[in-house]
Amino acid sequence: MSMDQQEQQRQEQIKKALGERIRNLRRNKGWSQKAVSELCGVSRSHLSQLERGELDAGLAMLAAIAGALKITVSRLFHGIA
């Protein structure tokens, strides 16, 4: 496996882990995707894709999600990257 393939695989793992983290935090609060997406200013579909690790999220989006979940951005990444 080339270095490019390894890096791409690592990025995919991070996206999946981050999505799972967001989903778990949201569910632990008993919040729907719709509620969190409205707080973040994104569509429910977009949040769903992020939770499944299908989309890259920029820093502004991660900050909005962290703010909606009432945590820090660093907490989103703790133990992931």
PDB file of N, CA and C in Angstrom:
ATOM      1  N   MET A   1       0.850  -1.179   0.000  1.00  0.00           N
ATOM      2  CA  MET A   1       0.000   0.000   0.000  1.00  0.00           C
ATOM      3  C   MET A   1       0.895   1.242   0.000  1.00  0.00           C
ATOM      4  N   SER A   2       0.598   2.165  -0.899  1.00  0.00           N
ATOM      5  CA  SER A   2       1.407   3.375  -1.003  1.00  0.00           C
ATOM      6  C   SER A   2       1.089   4.328   0.144  1.00  0.00           C
ATOM      7  N   MET A   3       1.974   5.309   0.314  1.00  0.00           N
ATOM      8  CA  MET A   3       1.760   6.319   1.365  1.00  0.00           C
ATOM      9  C   MET A   3       0.468   7.083   1.120  1.00  0.00           C
ATOM     10  N   ASP A   4       0.151   7.403  -0.143  1.00  0.00           N
ATOM     11  CA  ASP A   4      -1.086   8.114  -0.468  1.00  0.00           C
ATOM     12  C   ASP A   4      -2.310   7.292  -0.070  1.00  0.00           C
ATOM     13  N   GLN A   5      -2.258   6.003  -0.343  1.00  0.00           N
ATOM     14  CA  GLN A   5      -3.371   5.122   0.016  1.00  0.00           C
ATOM     15  C   GLN A   5      -3.508   5.012   1.527  1.00  0.00           C
ATOM     16  N   GLN A   6      -2.378   4.934   2.218  1.00  0.00           N
ATOM     17  CA  GLN A   6      -2.412   4.864   3.678  1.00  0.00           C
ATOM     18  C   GLN A   6      -2.998   6.136   4.270  1.00  0.00           C
ATOM     19  N   GLU A   7      -2.604   7.291   3.732  1.00  0.00           N
ATOM     20  CA  GLU A   7      -3.115   8.567   4.219  1.00  0.00           C
ATOM     21  C   GLU A   7      -4.606   8.689   3.942  1.00  0.00           C
ATOM     22  N   GLN A   8      -5.030   8.272   2.767  1.00  0.00           N
ATOM     23  CA  GLN A   8      -6.455   8.318   2.431  1.00  0.00           C
ATOM     24  C   GLN A   8      -7.254   7.399   3.362  1.00  0.00           C
ATOM     25  N   GLN A   9      -6.721   6.225   3.636  1.00  0.00           N
ATOM     26  CA  GLN A   9      -7.383   5.289   4.535  1.00  0.00           C
ATOM     27  C   GLN A   9      -7.476   5.883   5.945  1.00  0.00           C
ATOM     28  N   ARG A  10      -6.422   6.529   6.399  1.00  0.00           N
ATOM     29  CA  ARG A  10      -6.410   7.165   7.726  1.00  0.00           C
ATOM     30  C   ARG A  10      -7.445   8.282   7.800  1.00  0.00           C
ATOM     31  N   GLN A  11      -7.544   9.084   6.747  1.00  0.00           N
ATOM     32  CA  GLN A  11      -8.538  10.156   6.718  1.00  0.00           C
ATOM     33  C   GLN A  11      -9.957   9.603   6.766  1.00  0.00           C
ATOM     34  N   GLU A  12     -10.189   8.505   6.068  1.00  0.00           N
ATOM     35  CA  GLU A  12     -11.510   7.867   6.092  1.00  0.00           C
ATOM     36  C   GLU A  12     -11.831   7.353   7.497  1.00  0.00           C
ATOM     37  N   GLN A  13     -10.839   6.790   8.166  1.00  0.00           N
ATOM     38  CA  GLN A  13     -11.034   6.305   9.534  1.00  0.00           C
ATOM     39  C   GLN A  13     -11.379   7.458  10.474  1.00  0.00           C
ATOM     40  N   ILE A  14     -10.709   8.581  10.301  1.00  0.00           N
ATOM     41  CA  ILE A  14     -10.977   9.750  11.146  1.00  0.00           C
ATOM     42  C   ILE A  14     -12.393  10.260  10.904  1.00  0.00           C
ATOM     43  N   LYS A  15     -12.799  10.347   9.631  1.00  0.00           N
ATOM     44  CA  LYS A  15     -14.159  10.811   9.319  1.00  0.00           C
ATOM     45  C   LYS A  15     -15.208   9.903   9.962  1.00  0.00           C
ATOM     46  N   LYS A  16     -15.001   8.597   9.861  1.00  0.00           N
ATOM     47  CA  LYS A  16     -15.953   7.646  10.452  1.00  0.00           C
ATOM     48  C   LYS A  16     -15.990   7.787  11.971  1.00  0.00           C
ATOM     49  N   ALA A  17     -14.819   7.856  12.598  1.00  0.00           N
ATOM     50  CA  ALA A  17     -14.749   7.968  14.054  1.00  0.00           C
ATOM     51  C   ALA A  17     -15.365   9.283  14.530  1.00  0.00           C
ATOM     52  N   LEU A  18     -15.096  10.367  13.823  1.00  0.00           N
ATOM     53  CA  LEU A  18     -15.665  11.659  14.191  1.00  0.00           C
ATOM     54  C   LEU A  18     -17.183  11.635  14.039  1.00  0.00           C
ATOM     55  N   GLY A  19     -17.662  11.047  12.970  1.00  0.00           N
ATOM     56  CA  GLY A  19     -19.105  10.921  12.773  1.00  0.00           C
ATOM     57  C   GLY A  19     -19.768  10.120  13.880  1.00  0.00           C
ATOM     58  N   GLU A  20     -19.143   9.017  14.255  1.00  0.00           N
ATOM     59  CA  GLU A  20     -19.670   8.194  15.350  1.00  0.00           C
ATOM     60  C   GLU A  20     -19.680   8.976  16.658  1.00  0.00           C
ATOM     61  N   ARG A  21     -18.624   9.763  16.889  1.00  0.00           N
ATOM     62  CA  ARG A  21     -18.540  10.580  18.103  1.00  0.00           C
ATOM     63  C   ARG A  21     -19.698  11.582  18.136  1.00  0.00           C
ATOM     64  N   ILE A  22     -19.928  12.264  17.028  1.00  0.00           N
ATOM     65  CA  ILE A  22     -21.014  13.249  16.956  1.00  0.00           C
ATOM     66  C   ILE A  22     -22.355  12.568  17.194  1.00  0.00           C
ATOM     67  N   ARG A  23     -22.586  11.441  16.548  1.00  0.00           N
ATOM     68  CA  ARG A  23     -23.847  10.703  16.715  1.00  0.00           C
ATOM     69  C   ARG A  23     -24.043  10.276  18.168  1.00  0.00           C
ATOM     70  N   ASN A  24     -23.000   9.726  18.774  1.00  0.00           N
ATOM     71  CA  ASN A  24     -23.113   9.261  20.158  1.00  0.00           C
ATOM     72  C   ASN A  24     -23.383  10.420  21.123  1.00  0.00           C
ATOM     73  N   LEU A  25     -22.696  11.538  20.928  1.00  0.00           N
ATOM     74  CA  LEU A  25     -22.927  12.693  21.793  1.00  0.00           C
ATOM     75  C   LEU A  25     -24.357  13.209  21.646  1.00  0.00           C
ATOM     76  N   ARG A  26     -24.819  13.273  20.405  1.00  0.00           N
ATOM     77  CA  ARG A  26     -26.189  13.734  20.143  1.00  0.00           C
ATOM     78  C   ARG A  26     -27.204  12.786  20.780  1.00  0.00           C
ATOM     79  N   ARG A  27     -27.027  11.498  20.580  1.00  0.00           N
ATOM     80  CA  ARG A  27     -27.968  10.514  21.133  1.00  0.00           C
ATOM     81  C   ARG A  27     -27.940  10.504  22.661  1.00  0.00           C
ATOM     82  N   ASN A  28     -26.748  10.662  23.236  1.00  0.00           N
ATOM     83  CA  ASN A  28     -26.655  10.692  24.704  1.00  0.00           C
ATOM     84  C   ASN A  28     -27.438  11.852  25.297  1.00  0.00           C
ATOM     85  N   LYS A  29     -27.593  12.913  24.532  1.00  0.00           N
ATOM     86  CA  LYS A  29     -28.386  14.054  24.986  1.00  0.00           C
ATOM     87  C   LYS A  29     -29.869  13.864  24.671  1.00  0.00           C
ATOM     88  N   GLY A  30     -30.183  12.808  23.924  1.00  0.00           N
ATOM     89  CA  GLY A  30     -31.567  12.541  23.559  1.00  0.00           C
ATOM     90  C   GLY A  30     -32.098  13.480  22.491  1.00  0.00           C
ATOM     91  N   TRP A  31     -31.178  14.031  21.683  1.00  0.00           N
ATOM     92  CA  TRP A  31     -31.561  15.007  20.670  1.00  0.00           C
ATOM     93  C   TRP A  31     -31.680  14.351  19.302  1.00  0.00           C
ATOM     94  N   SER A  32     -32.607  14.838  18.512  1.00  0.00           N
ATOM     95  CA  SER A  32     -32.770  14.353  17.151  1.00  0.00           C
ATOM     96  C   SER A  32     -31.762  15.033  16.229  1.00  0.00           C
ATOM     97  N   GLN A  33     -31.554  14.427  15.068  1.00  0.00           N
ATOM     98  CA  GLN A  33     -30.707  15.061  14.065  1.00  0.00           C
ATOM     99  C   GLN A  33     -31.300  16.406  13.657  1.00  0.00           C
ATOM    100  N   LYS A  34     -32.609  16.454  13.564  1.00  0.00           N
ATOM    101  CA  LYS A  34     -33.274  17.698  13.160  1.00  0.00           C
ATOM    102  C   LYS A  34     -32.971  18.821  14.149  1.00  0.00           C
ATOM    103  N   ALA A  35     -33.055  18.526  15.436  1.00  0.00           N
ATOM    104  CA  ALA A  35     -32.804  19.547  16.461  1.00  0.00           C
ATOM    105  C   ALA A  35     -31.373  20.062  16.377  1.00  0.00           C
ATOM    106  N   VAL A  36     -30.416  19.165  16.277  1.00  0.00           N
ATOM    107  CA  VAL A  36     -29.011  19.579  16.229  1.00  0.00           C
ATOM    108  C   VAL A  36     -28.714  20.305  14.919  1.00  0.00           C
ATOM    109  N   SER A  37     -29.266  19.817  13.827  1.00  0.00           N
ATOM    110  CA  SER A  37     -29.005  20.472  12.542  1.00  0.00           C
ATOM    111  C   SER A  37     -29.544  21.901  12.535  1.00  0.00           C
ATOM    112  N   GLU A  38     -30.686  22.125  13.167  1.00  0.00           N
ATOM    113  CA  GLU A  38     -31.230  23.481  13.249  1.00  0.00           C
ATOM    114  C   GLU A  38     -30.341  24.387  14.094  1.00  0.00           C
ATOM    115  N   LEU A  39     -29.791  23.851  15.164  1.00  0.00           N
ATOM    116  CA  LEU A  39     -28.872  24.635  15.996  1.00  0.00           C
ATOM    117  C   LEU A  39     -27.579  24.971  15.249  1.00  0.00           C
ATOM    118  N   CYS A  40     -27.160  24.078  14.357  1.00  0.00           N
ATOM    119  CA  CYS A  40     -25.912  24.265  13.615  1.00  0.00           C
ATOM    120  C   CYS A  40     -26.099  25.057  12.330  1.00  0.00           C
ATOM    121  N   GLY A  41     -27.323  25.147  11.872  1.00  0.00           N
ATOM    122  CA  GLY A  41     -27.572  25.839  10.620  1.00  0.00           C
ATOM    123  C   GLY A  41     -27.263  25.012   9.381  1.00  0.00           C
ATOM    124  N   VAL A  42     -27.401  23.688   9.504  1.00  0.00           N
ATOM    125  CA  VAL A  42     -27.223  22.796   8.352  1.00  0.00           C
ATOM    126  C   VAL A  42     -28.474  21.940   8.196  1.00  0.00           C
ATOM    127  N   SER A  43     -28.589  21.289   7.061  1.00  0.00           N
ATOM    128  CA  SER A  43     -29.743  20.415   6.864  1.00  0.00           C
ATOM    129  C   SER A  43     -29.570  19.135   7.674  1.00  0.00           C
ATOM    130  N   ARG A  44     -30.676  18.484   7.966  1.00  0.00           N
ATOM    131  CA  ARG A  44     -30.632  17.208   8.670  1.00  0.00           C
ATOM    132  C   ARG A  44     -29.879  16.183   7.832  1.00  0.00           C
ATOM    133  N   SER A  45     -30.065  16.235   6.522  1.00  0.00           N
ATOM    134  CA  SER A  45     -29.387  15.322   5.608  1.00  0.00           C
ATOM    135  C   SER A  45     -27.864  15.497   5.685  1.00  0.00           C
ATOM    136  N   HIS A  46     -27.417  16.742   5.755  1.00  0.00           N
ATOM    137  CA  HIS A  46     -25.984  17.027   5.850  1.00  0.00           C
ATOM    138  C   HIS A  46     -25.417  16.459   7.154  1.00  0.00           C
ATOM    139  N   LEU A  47     -26.126  16.687   8.258  1.00  0.00           N
ATOM    140  CA  LEU A  47     -25.679  16.152   9.549  1.00  0.00           C
ATOM    141  C   LEU A  47     -25.644  14.632   9.510  1.00  0.00           C
ATOM    142  N   SER A  48     -26.637  14.034   8.901  1.00  0.00           N
ATOM    143  CA  SER A  48     -26.679  12.581   8.789  1.00  0.00           C
ATOM    144  C   SER A  48     -25.471  12.053   8.024  1.00  0.00           C
ATOM    145  N   GLN A  49     -25.118  12.718   6.922  1.00  0.00           N
ATOM    146  CA  GLN A  49     -23.956  12.301   6.147  1.00  0.00           C
ATOM    147  C   GLN A  49     -22.664  12.466   6.952  1.00  0.00           C
ATOM    148  N   LEU A  50     -22.574  13.519   7.738  1.00  0.00           N
ATOM    149  CA  LEU A  50     -21.402  13.709   8.600  1.00  0.00           C
ATOM    150  C   LEU A  50     -21.322  12.589   9.628  1.00  0.00           C
ATOM    151  N   GLU A  51     -22.450  12.251  10.227  1.00  0.00           N
ATOM    152  CA  GLU A  51     -22.466  11.192  11.249  1.00  0.00           C
ATOM    153  C   GLU A  51     -22.078   9.836  10.668  1.00  0.00           C
ATOM    154  N   ARG A  52     -22.346   9.625   9.403  1.00  0.00           N
ATOM    155  CA  ARG A  52     -21.971   8.367   8.750  1.00  0.00           C
ATOM    156  C   ARG A  52     -20.551   8.397   8.202  1.00  0.00           C
ATOM    157  N   GLY A  53     -19.863   9.524   8.352  1.00  0.00           N
ATOM    158  CA  GLY A  53     -18.487   9.644   7.877  1.00  0.00           C
ATOM    159  C   GLY A  53     -18.387   9.784   6.374  1.00  0.00           C
ATOM    160  N   GLU A  54     -19.450  10.263   5.740  1.00  0.00           N
ATOM    161  CA  GLU A  54     -19.474  10.375   4.290  1.00  0.00           C
ATOM    162  C   GLU A  54     -19.029  11.743   3.775  1.00  0.00           C
ATOM    163  N   LEU A  55     -18.960  12.733   4.646  1.00  0.00           N
ATOM    164  CA  LEU A  55     -18.572  14.088   4.250  1.00  0.00           C
ATOM    165  C   LEU A  55     -17.442  14.599   5.129  1.00  0.00           C
ATOM    166  N   ASP A  56     -16.621  15.451   4.526  1.00  0.00           N
ATOM    167  CA  ASP A  56     -15.624  16.176   5.304  1.00  0.00           C
ATOM    168  C   ASP A  56     -16.309  17.380   5.924  1.00  0.00           C
ATOM    169  N   ALA A  57     -15.972  17.683   7.144  1.00  0.00           N
ATOM    170  CA  ALA A  57     -16.521  18.854   7.815  1.00  0.00           C
ATOM    171  C   ALA A  57     -15.401  19.853   8.031  1.00  0.00           C
ATOM    172  N   GLY A  58     -15.630  21.089   7.651  1.00  0.00           N
ATOM    173  CA  GLY A  58     -14.660  22.137   7.885  1.00  0.00           C
ATOM    174  C   GLY A  58     -14.666  22.573   9.343  1.00  0.00           C
ATOM    175  N   LEU A  59     -13.697  23.378   9.678  1.00  0.00           N
ATOM    176  CA  LEU A  59     -13.571  23.838  11.055  1.00  0.00           C
ATOM    177  C   LEU A  59     -14.800  24.613  11.522  1.00  0.00           C
ATOM    178  N   ALA A  60     -15.344  25.462  10.659  1.00  0.00           N
ATOM    179  CA  ALA A  60     -16.531  26.238  11.037  1.00  0.00           C
ATOM    180  C   ALA A  60     -17.703  25.311  11.352  1.00  0.00           C
ATOM    181  N   MET A  61     -17.880  24.266  10.546  1.00  0.00           N
ATOM    182  CA  MET A  61     -18.972  23.315  10.785  1.00  0.00           C
ATOM    183  C   MET A  61     -18.738  22.547  12.078  1.00  0.00           C
ATOM    184  N   LEU A  62     -17.510  22.116  12.319  1.00  0.00           N
ATOM    185  CA  LEU A  62     -17.218  21.392  13.557  1.00  0.00           C
ATOM    186  C   LEU A  62     -17.425  22.278  14.779  1.00  0.00           C
ATOM    187  N   ALA A  63     -17.072  23.540  14.658  1.00  0.00           N
ATOM    188  CA  ALA A  63     -17.289  24.481  15.759  1.00  0.00           C
ATOM    189  C   ALA A  63     -18.778  24.663  16.016  1.00  0.00           C
ATOM    190  N   ALA A  64     -19.576  24.732  14.953  1.00  0.00           N
ATOM    191  CA  ALA A  64     -21.028  24.873  15.108  1.00  0.00           C
ATOM    192  C   ALA A  64     -21.631  23.626  15.759  1.00  0.00           C
ATOM    193  N   ILE A  65     -21.177  22.467  15.344  1.00  0.00           N
ATOM    194  CA  ILE A  65     -21.678  21.220  15.931  1.00  0.00           C
ATOM    195  C   ILE A  65     -21.273  21.128  17.394  1.00  0.00           C
ATOM    196  N   ALA A  66     -20.015  21.418  17.687  1.00  0.00           N
ATOM    197  CA  ALA A  66     -19.552  21.383  19.078  1.00  0.00           C
ATOM    198  C   ALA A  66     -20.348  22.361  19.927  1.00  0.00           C
ATOM    199  N   GLY A  67     -20.573  23.560  19.409  1.00  0.00           N
ATOM    200  CA  GLY A  67     -21.365  24.545  20.147  1.00  0.00           C
ATOM    201  C   GLY A  67     -22.775  24.062  20.405  1.00  0.00           C
ATOM    202  N   ALA A  68     -23.394  23.455  19.400  1.00  0.00           N
ATOM    203  CA  ALA A  68     -24.755  22.929  19.560  1.00  0.00           C
ATOM    204  C   ALA A  68     -24.796  21.836  20.623  1.00  0.00           C
ATOM    205  N   LEU A  69     -23.744  21.019  20.659  1.00  0.00           N
ATOM    206  CA  LEU A  69     -23.679  19.916  21.632  1.00  0.00           C
ATOM    207  C   LEU A  69     -23.124  20.368  22.989  1.00  0.00           C
ATOM    208  N   LYS A  70     -22.755  21.646  23.047  1.00  0.00           N
ATOM    209  CA  LYS A  70     -22.241  22.246  24.283  1.00  0.00           C
ATOM    210  C   LYS A  70     -20.940  21.590  24.756  1.00  0.00           C
ATOM    211  N   ILE A  71     -20.046  21.365  23.782  1.00  0.00           N
ATOM    212  CA  ILE A  71     -18.720  20.821  24.075  1.00  0.00           C
ATOM    213  C   ILE A  71     -17.700  21.619  23.267  1.00  0.00           C
ATOM    214  N   THR A  72     -16.427  21.357  23.499  1.00  0.00           N
ATOM    215  CA  THR A  72     -15.369  22.015  22.730  1.00  0.00           C
ATOM    216  C   THR A  72     -15.050  21.190  21.485  1.00  0.00           C
ATOM    217  N   VAL A  73     -14.448  21.851  20.514  1.00  0.00           N
ATOM    218  CA  VAL A  73     -14.010  21.140  19.316  1.00  0.00           C
ATOM    219  C   VAL A  73     -12.971  20.082  19.691  1.00  0.00           C
ATOM    220  N   SER A  74     -12.107  20.400  20.637  1.00  0.00           N
ATOM    221  CA  SER A  74     -11.096  19.416  21.036  1.00  0.00           C
ATOM    222  C   SER A  74     -11.741  18.162  21.617  1.00  0.00           C
ATOM    223  N   ARG A  75     -12.874  18.311  22.279  1.00  0.00           N
ATOM    224  CA  ARG A  75     -13.599  17.136  22.808  1.00  0.00           C
ATOM    225  C   ARG A  75     -14.101  16.254  21.672  1.00  0.00           C
ATOM    226  N   LEU A  76     -14.486  16.858  20.552  1.00  0.00           N
ATOM    227  CA  LEU A  76     -14.917  16.063  19.403  1.00  0.00           C
ATOM    228  C   LEU A  76     -13.788  15.151  18.940  1.00  0.00           C
ATOM    229  N   PHE A  77     -12.556  15.650  18.967  1.00  0.00           N
ATOM    230  CA  PHE A  77     -11.418  14.902  18.437  1.00  0.00           C
ATOM    231  C   PHE A  77     -10.671  14.081  19.488  1.00  0.00           C
ATOM    232  N   HIS A  78     -11.009  14.233  20.750  1.00  0.00           N
ATOM    233  CA  HIS A  78     -10.267  13.545  21.808  1.00  0.00           C
ATOM    234  C   HIS A  78     -10.183  12.036  21.526  1.00  0.00           C
ATOM    235  N   GLY A  79      -8.957  11.556  21.391  1.00  0.00           N
ATOM    236  CA  GLY A  79      -8.725  10.136  21.170  1.00  0.00           C
ATOM    237  C   GLY A  79      -8.916   9.684  19.729  1.00  0.00           C
ATOM    238  N   ILE A  80      -9.245  10.613  18.835  1.00  0.00           N
ATOM    239  CA  ILE A  80      -9.477  10.246  17.423  1.00  0.00           C
ATOM    240  C   ILE A  80      -8.277  10.595  16.565  1.00  0.00           C
ATOM    241  N   ALA A  81      -7.812  11.830  16.682  1.00  0.00           N
ATOM    242  CA  ALA A  81      -6.718  12.264  15.800  1.00  0.00           C
ATOM    243  C   ALA A  81      -5.642  12.966  16.605  1.00  0.00           C
TER     244      ALA A  81
END
